[in-house]
């Protein structure tokens, strides 16, 4: 196994983890910002008010994009299994 192969696998792993995290992080950021603005306008400073909408929004994102995320992980893993015999020489 060469160091370029290791670096390529690491790059692919970081890329796929970023692709899978972006939808969840983006929705969490948007929902958190909207709730924070509403709290600033209404001056209601309740911590659970930000937590519950974020959890619900993340659950919706996971339901919508969960199949795509699973497909991406399966393809990455399949690629690693197909690459394994050439790396173990």
PDB file of N, CA and C in Angstrom:
ATOM      1  N   UNK A   1       0.843  -1.157   0.000  1.00  0.00           N
ATOM      2  CA  UNK A   1       0.000   0.000   0.000  1.00  0.00           C
ATOM      3  C   UNK A   1       0.903   1.239   0.000  1.00  0.00           C
ATOM      4  N   UNK A   2       0.703   2.075  -0.982  1.00  0.00           N
ATOM      5  CA  UNK A   2       1.534   3.268  -1.083  1.00  0.00           C
ATOM      6  C   UNK A   2       0.915   4.409  -0.289  1.00  0.00           C
ATOM      7  N   UNK A   3       1.743   5.393  -0.028  1.00  0.00           N
ATOM      8  CA  UNK A   3       1.234   6.535   0.722  1.00  0.00           C
ATOM      9  C   UNK A   3       0.247   7.361  -0.109  1.00  0.00           C
ATOM     10  N   UNK A   4       0.365   7.321  -1.416  1.00  0.00           N
ATOM     11  CA  UNK A   4      -0.619   8.040  -2.239  1.00  0.00           C
ATOM     12  C   UNK A   4      -1.984   7.367  -2.167  1.00  0.00           C
ATOM     13  N   UNK A   5      -2.016   6.049  -2.059  1.00  0.00           N
ATOM     14  CA  UNK A   5      -3.292   5.339  -1.912  1.00  0.00           C
ATOM     15  C   UNK A   5      -3.946   5.674  -0.579  1.00  0.00           C
ATOM     16  N   UNK A   6      -3.142   5.744   0.468  1.00  0.00           N
ATOM     17  CA  UNK A   6      -3.665   6.093   1.788  1.00  0.00           C
ATOM     18  C   UNK A   6      -4.209   7.513   1.774  1.00  0.00           C
ATOM     19  N   UNK A   7      -3.476   8.434   1.168  1.00  0.00           N
ATOM     20  CA  UNK A   7      -3.937   9.817   1.096  1.00  0.00           C
ATOM     21  C   UNK A   7      -5.197   9.946   0.252  1.00  0.00           C
ATOM     22  N   UNK A   8      -5.311   9.155  -0.811  1.00  0.00           N
ATOM     23  CA  UNK A   8      -6.503   9.200  -1.645  1.00  0.00           C
ATOM     24  C   UNK A   8      -7.728   8.683  -0.888  1.00  0.00           C
ATOM     25  N   UNK A   9      -7.555   7.600  -0.144  1.00  0.00           N
ATOM     26  CA  UNK A   9      -8.657   7.064   0.652  1.00  0.00           C
ATOM     27  C   UNK A   9      -9.055   8.051   1.747  1.00  0.00           C
ATOM     28  N   UNK A  10      -8.083   8.670   2.389  1.00  0.00           N
ATOM     29  CA  UNK A  10      -8.378   9.665   3.423  1.00  0.00           C
ATOM     30  C   UNK A  10      -9.102  10.863   2.835  1.00  0.00           C
ATOM     31  N   UNK A  11      -8.684  11.302   1.640  1.00  0.00           N
ATOM     32  CA  UNK A  11      -9.360  12.423   0.982  1.00  0.00           C
ATOM     33  C   UNK A  11     -10.798  12.067   0.658  1.00  0.00           C
ATOM     34  N   UNK A  12     -11.017  10.857   0.148  1.00  0.00           N
ATOM     35  CA  UNK A  12     -12.381  10.421  -0.162  1.00  0.00           C
ATOM     36  C   UNK A  12     -13.237  10.342   1.099  1.00  0.00           C
ATOM     37  N   UNK A  13     -12.659   9.854   2.190  1.00  0.00           N
ATOM     38  CA  UNK A  13     -13.405   9.748   3.447  1.00  0.00           C
ATOM     39  C   UNK A  13     -13.786  11.120   3.979  1.00  0.00           C
ATOM     40  N   UNK A  14     -12.861  12.070   3.911  1.00  0.00           N
ATOM     41  CA  UNK A  14     -13.173  13.426   4.375  1.00  0.00           C
ATOM     42  C   UNK A  14     -14.205  14.096   3.479  1.00  0.00           C
ATOM     43  N   UNK A  15     -14.120  13.848   2.176  1.00  0.00           N
ATOM     44  CA  UNK A  15     -15.076  14.431   1.244  1.00  0.00           C
ATOM     45  C   UNK A  15     -16.474  13.883   1.491  1.00  0.00           C
ATOM     46  N   UNK A  16     -16.587  12.583   1.672  1.00  0.00           N
ATOM     47  CA  UNK A  16     -17.913  12.001   1.885  1.00  0.00           C
ATOM     48  C   UNK A  16     -18.486  12.418   3.228  1.00  0.00           C
ATOM     49  N   UNK A  17     -17.644  12.544   4.240  1.00  0.00           N
ATOM     50  CA  UNK A  17     -18.156  12.986   5.542  1.00  0.00           C
ATOM     51  C   UNK A  17     -18.629  14.435   5.475  1.00  0.00           C
ATOM     52  N   UNK A  18     -17.947  15.272   4.717  1.00  0.00           N
ATOM     53  CA  UNK A  18     -18.401  16.652   4.551  1.00  0.00           C
ATOM     54  C   UNK A  18     -19.698  16.706   3.765  1.00  0.00           C
ATOM     55  N   UNK A  19     -19.804  15.909   2.702  1.00  0.00           N
ATOM     56  CA  UNK A  19     -21.036  15.889   1.907  1.00  0.00           C
ATOM     57  C   UNK A  19     -22.227  15.427   2.731  1.00  0.00           C
ATOM     58  N   UNK A  20     -22.010  14.497   3.629  1.00  0.00           N
ATOM     59  CA  UNK A  20     -23.107  13.989   4.444  1.00  0.00           C
ATOM     60  C   UNK A  20     -23.467  14.931   5.592  1.00  0.00           C
ATOM     61  N   UNK A  21     -22.518  15.701   6.058  1.00  0.00           N
ATOM     62  CA  UNK A  21     -22.776  16.593   7.188  1.00  0.00           C
ATOM     63  C   UNK A  21     -23.382  17.923   6.763  1.00  0.00           C
ATOM     64  N   UNK A  22     -23.130  18.356   5.532  1.00  0.00           N
ATOM     65  CA  UNK A  22     -23.573  19.682   5.102  1.00  0.00           C
ATOM     66  C   UNK A  22     -25.087  19.888   5.209  1.00  0.00           C
ATOM     67  N   UNK A  23     -25.945  18.963   4.752  1.00  0.00           N
ATOM     68  CA  UNK A  23     -27.384  19.222   4.875  1.00  0.00           C
ATOM     69  C   UNK A  23     -27.843  19.389   6.319  1.00  0.00           C
ATOM     70  N   UNK A  24     -27.334  18.551   7.210  1.00  0.00           N
ATOM     71  CA  UNK A  24     -27.739  18.632   8.612  1.00  0.00           C
ATOM     72  C   UNK A  24     -27.246  19.926   9.246  1.00  0.00           C
ATOM     73  N   UNK A  25     -25.994  20.266   8.999  1.00  0.00           N
ATOM     74  CA  UNK A  25     -25.440  21.483   9.591  1.00  0.00           C
ATOM     75  C   UNK A  25     -26.096  22.742   9.035  1.00  0.00           C
ATOM     76  N   UNK A  26     -26.395  22.738   7.735  1.00  0.00           N
ATOM     77  CA  UNK A  26     -27.013  23.914   7.134  1.00  0.00           C
ATOM     78  C   UNK A  26     -28.405  24.150   7.696  1.00  0.00           C
ATOM     79  N   UNK A  27     -29.202  23.098   7.804  1.00  0.00           N
ATOM     80  CA  UNK A  27     -30.557  23.249   8.352  1.00  0.00           C
ATOM     81  C   UNK A  27     -30.495  23.660   9.817  1.00  0.00           C
ATOM     82  N   UNK A  28     -29.589  23.084  10.556  1.00  0.00           N
ATOM     83  CA  UNK A  28     -29.445  23.456  11.963  1.00  0.00           C
ATOM     84  C   UNK A  28     -29.046  24.922  12.109  1.00  0.00           C
ATOM     85  N   UNK A  29     -28.164  25.382  11.240  1.00  0.00           N
ATOM     86  CA  UNK A  29     -27.746  26.783  11.275  1.00  0.00           C
ATOM     87  C   UNK A  29     -28.896  27.725  10.938  1.00  0.00           C
ATOM     88  N   UNK A  30     -29.641  27.391   9.902  1.00  0.00           N
ATOM     89  CA  UNK A  30     -30.755  28.252   9.488  1.00  0.00           C
ATOM     90  C   UNK A  30     -31.843  28.291  10.559  1.00  0.00           C
ATOM     91  N   UNK A  31     -32.224  27.130  11.076  1.00  0.00           N
ATOM     92  CA  UNK A  31     -33.264  27.083  12.100  1.00  0.00           C
ATOM     93  C   UNK A  31     -32.794  27.798  13.366  1.00  0.00           C
ATOM     94  N   UNK A  32     -31.551  27.592  13.768  1.00  0.00           N
ATOM     95  CA  UNK A  32     -31.027  28.276  14.953  1.00  0.00           C
ATOM     96  C   UNK A  32     -31.006  29.780  14.791  1.00  0.00           C
ATOM     97  N   UNK A  33     -30.642  30.253  13.601  1.00  0.00           N
ATOM     98  CA  UNK A  33     -30.629  31.695  13.352  1.00  0.00           C
ATOM     99  C   UNK A  33     -32.034  32.277  13.392  1.00  0.00           C
ATOM    100  N   UNK A  34     -32.985  31.590  12.771  1.00  0.00           N
ATOM    101  CA  UNK A  34     -34.366  32.081  12.768  1.00  0.00           C
ATOM    102  C   UNK A  34     -34.929  32.122  14.186  1.00  0.00           C
ATOM    103  N   UNK A  35     -34.707  31.071  14.942  1.00  0.00           N
ATOM    104  CA  UNK A  35     -35.208  31.040  16.320  1.00  0.00           C
ATOM    105  C   UNK A  35     -34.523  32.103  17.164  1.00  0.00           C
ATOM    106  N   UNK A  36     -33.234  32.317  16.962  1.00  0.00           N
ATOM    107  CA  UNK A  36     -32.527  33.359  17.717  1.00  0.00           C
ATOM    108  C   UNK A  36     -33.066  34.741  17.392  1.00  0.00           C
ATOM    109  N   UNK A  37     -33.359  34.978  16.126  1.00  0.00           N
ATOM    110  CA  UNK A  37     -33.958  36.260  15.754  1.00  0.00           C
ATOM    111  C   UNK A  37     -35.333  36.439  16.390  1.00  0.00           C
ATOM    112  N   UNK A  38     -36.132  35.386  16.386  1.00  0.00           N
ATOM    113  CA  UNK A  38     -37.446  35.467  17.036  1.00  0.00           C
ATOM    114  C   UNK A  38     -37.312  35.703  18.532  1.00  0.00           C
ATOM    115  N   UNK A  39     -36.339  35.071  19.147  1.00  0.00           N
ATOM    116  CA  UNK A  39     -36.116  35.295  20.574  1.00  0.00           C
ATOM    117  C   UNK A  39     -35.662  36.723  20.846  1.00  0.00           C
ATOM    118  N   UNK A  40     -34.837  37.267  19.973  1.00  0.00           N
ATOM    119  CA  UNK A  40     -34.367  38.642  20.171  1.00  0.00           C
ATOM    120  C   UNK A  40     -35.510  39.633  19.995  1.00  0.00           C
ATOM    121  N   UNK A  41     -36.389  39.358  19.043  1.00  0.00           N
ATOM    122  CA  UNK A  41     -37.514  40.268  18.799  1.00  0.00           C
ATOM    123  C   UNK A  41     -38.519  40.197  19.934  1.00  0.00           C
ATOM    124  N   UNK A  42     -38.829  38.994  20.389  1.00  0.00           N
ATOM    125  CA  UNK A  42     -39.854  38.836  21.426  1.00  0.00           C
ATOM    126  C   UNK A  42     -39.277  38.873  22.841  1.00  0.00           C
ATOM    127  N   UNK A  43     -37.989  38.861  22.976  1.00  0.00           N
ATOM    128  CA  UNK A  43     -37.281  38.870  24.251  1.00  0.00           C
ATOM    129  C   UNK A  43     -37.660  37.683  25.137  1.00  0.00           C
ATOM    130  N   UNK A  44     -37.949  36.562  24.496  1.00  0.00           N
ATOM    131  CA  UNK A  44     -38.201  35.320  25.216  1.00  0.00           C
ATOM    132  C   UNK A  44     -36.906  34.518  25.162  1.00  0.00           C
ATOM    133  N   UNK A  45     -36.246  34.365  26.292  1.00  0.00           N
ATOM    134  CA  UNK A  45     -34.953  33.690  26.334  1.00  0.00           C
ATOM    135  C   UNK A  45     -35.102  32.315  26.978  1.00  0.00           C
ATOM    136  N   UNK A  46     -35.733  31.413  26.266  1.00  0.00           N
ATOM    137  CA  UNK A  46     -35.930  30.049  26.744  1.00  0.00           C
ATOM    138  C   UNK A  46     -35.021  29.125  25.952  1.00  0.00           C
ATOM    139  N   UNK A  47     -34.190  28.331  26.640  1.00  0.00           N
ATOM    140  CA  UNK A  47     -33.216  27.474  25.964  1.00  0.00           C
ATOM    141  C   UNK A  47     -33.876  26.342  25.178  1.00  0.00           C
ATOM    142  N   UNK A  48     -34.988  25.817  25.702  1.00  0.00           N
ATOM    143  CA  UNK A  48     -35.647  24.715  24.996  1.00  0.00           C
ATOM    144  C   UNK A  48     -36.309  25.186  23.716  1.00  0.00           C
ATOM    145  N   UNK A  49     -36.527  26.461  23.586  1.00  0.00           N
ATOM    146  CA  UNK A  49     -37.149  27.003  22.380  1.00  0.00           C
ATOM    147  C   UNK A  49     -36.235  26.841  21.170  1.00  0.00           C
ATOM    148  N   UNK A  50     -34.936  26.821  21.373  1.00  0.00           N
ATOM    149  CA  UNK A  50     -34.020  26.597  20.247  1.00  0.00           C
ATOM    150  C   UNK A  50     -33.751  25.117  20.023  1.00  0.00           C
ATOM    151  N   UNK A  51     -33.815  24.323  21.079  1.00  0.00           N
ATOM    152  CA  UNK A  51     -33.455  22.916  20.974  1.00  0.00           C
ATOM    153  C   UNK A  51     -34.493  22.095  20.215  1.00  0.00           C
ATOM    154  N   UNK A  52     -35.755  22.245  20.566  1.00  0.00           N
ATOM    155  CA  UNK A  52     -36.814  21.418  19.983  1.00  0.00           C
ATOM    156  C   UNK A  52     -36.971  21.657  18.483  1.00  0.00           C
ATOM    157  N   UNK A  53     -37.036  22.897  17.994  1.00  0.00           N
ATOM    158  CA  UNK A  53     -37.153  23.077  16.544  1.00  0.00           C
ATOM    159  C   UNK A  53     -35.946  22.540  15.771  1.00  0.00           C
ATOM    160  N   UNK A  54     -34.755  22.674  16.337  1.00  0.00           N
ATOM    161  CA  UNK A  54     -33.570  22.128  15.673  1.00  0.00           C
ATOM    162  C   UNK A  54     -33.651  20.615  15.557  1.00  0.00           C
ATOM    163  N   UNK A  55     -34.051  19.949  16.615  1.00  0.00           N
ATOM    164  CA  UNK A  55     -34.158  18.488  16.597  1.00  0.00           C
ATOM    165  C   UNK A  55     -35.209  18.052  15.576  1.00  0.00           C
ATOM    166  N   UNK A  56     -36.330  18.748  15.546  1.00  0.00           N
ATOM    167  CA  UNK A  56     -37.376  18.402  14.580  1.00  0.00           C
ATOM    168  C   UNK A  56     -36.905  18.646  13.148  1.00  0.00           C
ATOM    169  N   UNK A  57     -36.215  19.756  12.917  1.00  0.00           N
ATOM    170  CA  UNK A  57     -35.725  20.059  11.569  1.00  0.00           C
ATOM    171  C   UNK A  57     -34.674  19.042  11.130  1.00  0.00           C
ATOM    172  N   UNK A  58     -33.809  18.642  12.037  1.00  0.00           N
ATOM    173  CA  UNK A  58     -32.791  17.647  11.706  1.00  0.00           C
ATOM    174  C   UNK A  58     -33.451  16.296  11.427  1.00  0.00           C
ATOM    175  N   UNK A  59     -34.486  15.955  12.175  1.00  0.00           N
ATOM    176  CA  UNK A  59     -35.202  14.702  11.919  1.00  0.00           C
ATOM    177  C   UNK A  59     -35.830  14.722  10.528  1.00  0.00           C
ATOM    178  N   UNK A  60     -36.395  15.853  10.131  1.00  0.00           N
ATOM    179  CA  UNK A  60     -36.984  15.963   8.797  1.00  0.00           C
ATOM    180  C   UNK A  60     -35.905  15.835   7.727  1.00  0.00           C
ATOM    181  N   UNK A  61     -34.764  16.492   7.939  1.00  0.00           N
ATOM    182  CA  UNK A  61     -33.665  16.398   6.974  1.00  0.00           C
ATOM    183  C   UNK A  61     -33.172  14.965   6.853  1.00  0.00           C
ATOM    184  N   UNK A  62     -33.069  14.268   7.960  1.00  0.00           N
ATOM    185  CA  UNK A  62     -32.624  12.871   7.917  1.00  0.00           C
ATOM    186  C   UNK A  62     -33.638  11.980   7.212  1.00  0.00           C
ATOM    187  N   UNK A  63     -34.920  12.267   7.382  1.00  0.00           N
ATOM    188  CA  UNK A  63     -35.930  11.481   6.674  1.00  0.00           C
ATOM    189  C   UNK A  63     -35.888  11.752   5.173  1.00  0.00           C
ATOM    190  N   UNK A  64     -35.646  13.004   4.809  1.00  0.00           N
ATOM    191  CA  UNK A  64     -35.634  13.364   3.389  1.00  0.00           C
ATOM    192  C   UNK A  64     -34.355  12.892   2.707  1.00  0.00           C
ATOM    193  N   UNK A  65     -33.224  13.106   3.335  1.00  0.00           N
ATOM    194  CA  UNK A  65     -31.935  12.793   2.695  1.00  0.00           C
ATOM    195  C   UNK A  65     -31.296  11.503   3.197  1.00  0.00           C
ATOM    196  N   UNK A  66     -31.980  10.777   4.073  1.00  0.00           N
ATOM    197  CA  UNK A  66     -31.395   9.563   4.647  1.00  0.00           C
ATOM    198  C   UNK A  66     -31.058   8.512   3.609  1.00  0.00           C
ATOM    199  N   UNK A  67     -31.929   8.327   2.639  1.00  0.00           N
ATOM    200  CA  UNK A  67     -31.658   7.350   1.589  1.00  0.00           C
ATOM    201  C   UNK A  67     -30.439   7.706   0.772  1.00  0.00           C
ATOM    202  N   UNK A  68     -30.328   8.987   0.430  1.00  0.00           N
ATOM    203  CA  UNK A  68     -29.166   9.452  -0.318  1.00  0.00           C
ATOM    204  C   UNK A  68     -27.886   9.274   0.492  1.00  0.00           C
ATOM    205  N   UNK A  69     -27.948   9.615   1.785  1.00  0.00           N
ATOM    206  CA  UNK A  69     -26.775   9.463   2.641  1.00  0.00           C
ATOM    207  C   UNK A  69     -26.347   8.001   2.742  1.00  0.00           C
ATOM    208  N   UNK A  70     -27.314   7.121   2.928  1.00  0.00           N
ATOM    209  CA  UNK A  70     -26.998   5.703   3.015  1.00  0.00           C
ATOM    210  C   UNK A  70     -26.404   5.197   1.707  1.00  0.00           C
ATOM    211  N   UNK A  71     -26.944   5.645   0.583  1.00  0.00           N
ATOM    212  CA  UNK A  71     -26.423   5.252  -0.719  1.00  0.00           C
ATOM    213  C   UNK A  71     -24.978   5.713  -0.886  1.00  0.00           C
ATOM    214  N   UNK A  72     -24.670   6.931  -0.474  1.00  0.00           N
ATOM    215  CA  UNK A  72     -23.309   7.446  -0.573  1.00  0.00           C
ATOM    216  C   UNK A  72     -22.346   6.609   0.274  1.00  0.00           C
ATOM    217  N   UNK A  73     -22.758   6.262   1.487  1.00  0.00           N
ATOM    218  CA  UNK A  73     -21.899   5.451   2.353  1.00  0.00           C
ATOM    219  C   UNK A  73     -21.701   4.047   1.805  1.00  0.00           C
ATOM    220  N   UNK A  74     -22.761   3.460   1.248  1.00  0.00           N
ATOM    221  CA  UNK A  74     -22.652   2.116   0.675  1.00  0.00           C
ATOM    222  C   UNK A  74     -21.711   2.134  -0.529  1.00  0.00           C
ATOM    223  N   UNK A  75     -21.822   3.146  -1.382  1.00  0.00           N
ATOM    224  CA  UNK A  75     -20.939   3.242  -2.546  1.00  0.00           C
ATOM    225  C   UNK A  75     -19.483   3.417  -2.125  1.00  0.00           C
ATOM    226  N   UNK A  76     -19.249   4.225  -1.110  1.00  0.00           N
ATOM    227  CA  UNK A  76     -17.883   4.415  -0.616  1.00  0.00           C
ATOM    228  C   UNK A  76     -17.320   3.109  -0.056  1.00  0.00           C
ATOM    229  N   UNK A  77     -18.133   2.422   0.739  1.00  0.00           N
ATOM    230  CA  UNK A  77     -17.691   1.159   1.327  1.00  0.00           C
ATOM    231  C   UNK A  77     -17.467   0.107   0.247  1.00  0.00           C
ATOM    232  N   UNK A  78     -18.349   0.054  -0.736  1.00  0.00           N
ATOM    233  CA  UNK A  78     -18.186  -0.898  -1.835  1.00  0.00           C
ATOM    234  C   UNK A  78     -16.877  -0.619  -2.586  1.00  0.00           C
ATOM    235  N   UNK A  79     -16.598   0.661  -2.796  1.00  0.00           N
ATOM    236  CA  UNK A  79     -15.343   1.021  -3.453  1.00  0.00           C
ATOM    237  C   UNK A  79     -14.125   0.591  -2.651  1.00  0.00           C
ATOM    238  N   UNK A  80     -14.213   0.714  -1.323  1.00  0.00           N
ATOM    239  CA  UNK A  80     -13.101   0.266  -0.480  1.00  0.00           C
ATOM    240  C   UNK A  80     -12.915  -1.244  -0.551  1.00  0.00           C
ATOM    241  N   UNK A  81     -14.020  -1.990  -0.541  1.00  0.00           N
ATOM    242  CA  UNK A  81     -13.921  -3.442  -0.638  1.00  0.00           C
ATOM    243  C   UNK A  81     -13.367  -3.875  -1.988  1.00  0.00           C
ATOM    244  N   UNK A  82     -13.744  -3.174  -3.050  1.00  0.00           N
ATOM    245  CA  UNK A  82     -13.210  -3.510  -4.367  1.00  0.00           C
ATOM    246  C   UNK A  82     -11.729  -3.149  -4.484  1.00  0.00           C
ATOM    247  N   UNK A  83     -11.317  -2.133  -3.760  1.00  0.00           N
ATOM    248  CA  UNK A  83      -9.939  -1.676  -3.801  1.00  0.00           C
ATOM    249  C   UNK A  83      -9.023  -2.488  -2.880  1.00  0.00           C
ATOM    250  N   UNK A  84      -9.592  -3.162  -1.905  1.00  0.00           N
ATOM    251  CA  UNK A  84      -8.805  -3.873  -0.893  1.00  0.00           C
ATOM    252  C   UNK A  84      -7.815  -4.885  -1.470  1.00  0.00           C
ATOM    253  N   UNK A  85      -8.193  -5.726  -2.432  1.00  0.00           N
ATOM    254  CA  UNK A  85      -7.191  -6.700  -2.924  1.00  0.00           C
ATOM    255  C   UNK A  85      -5.962  -6.037  -3.565  1.00  0.00           C
ATOM    256  N   UNK A  86      -6.147  -4.899  -4.202  1.00  0.00           N
ATOM    257  CA  UNK A  86      -4.998  -4.237  -4.803  1.00  0.00           C
ATOM    258  C   UNK A  86      -4.135  -3.536  -3.761  1.00  0.00           C
ATOM    259  N   UNK A  87      -4.728  -3.181  -2.643  1.00  0.00           N
ATOM    260  CA  UNK A  87      -3.959  -2.499  -1.606  1.00  0.00           C
ATOM    261  C   UNK A  87      -3.165  -3.458  -0.731  1.00  0.00           C
ATOM    262  N   UNK A  88      -3.589  -4.697  -0.664  1.00  0.00           N
ATOM    263  CA  UNK A  88      -2.969  -5.648   0.257  1.00  0.00           C
ATOM    264  C   UNK A  88      -1.803  -6.403  -0.357  1.00  0.00           C
ATOM    265  N   UNK A  89      -1.378  -6.022  -1.525  1.00  0.00           N
ATOM    266  CA  UNK A  89      -0.230  -6.693  -2.150  1.00  0.00           C
ATOM    267  C   UNK A  89       1.062  -6.254  -1.536  1.00  0.00           C
TER     268      UNK A  89
END
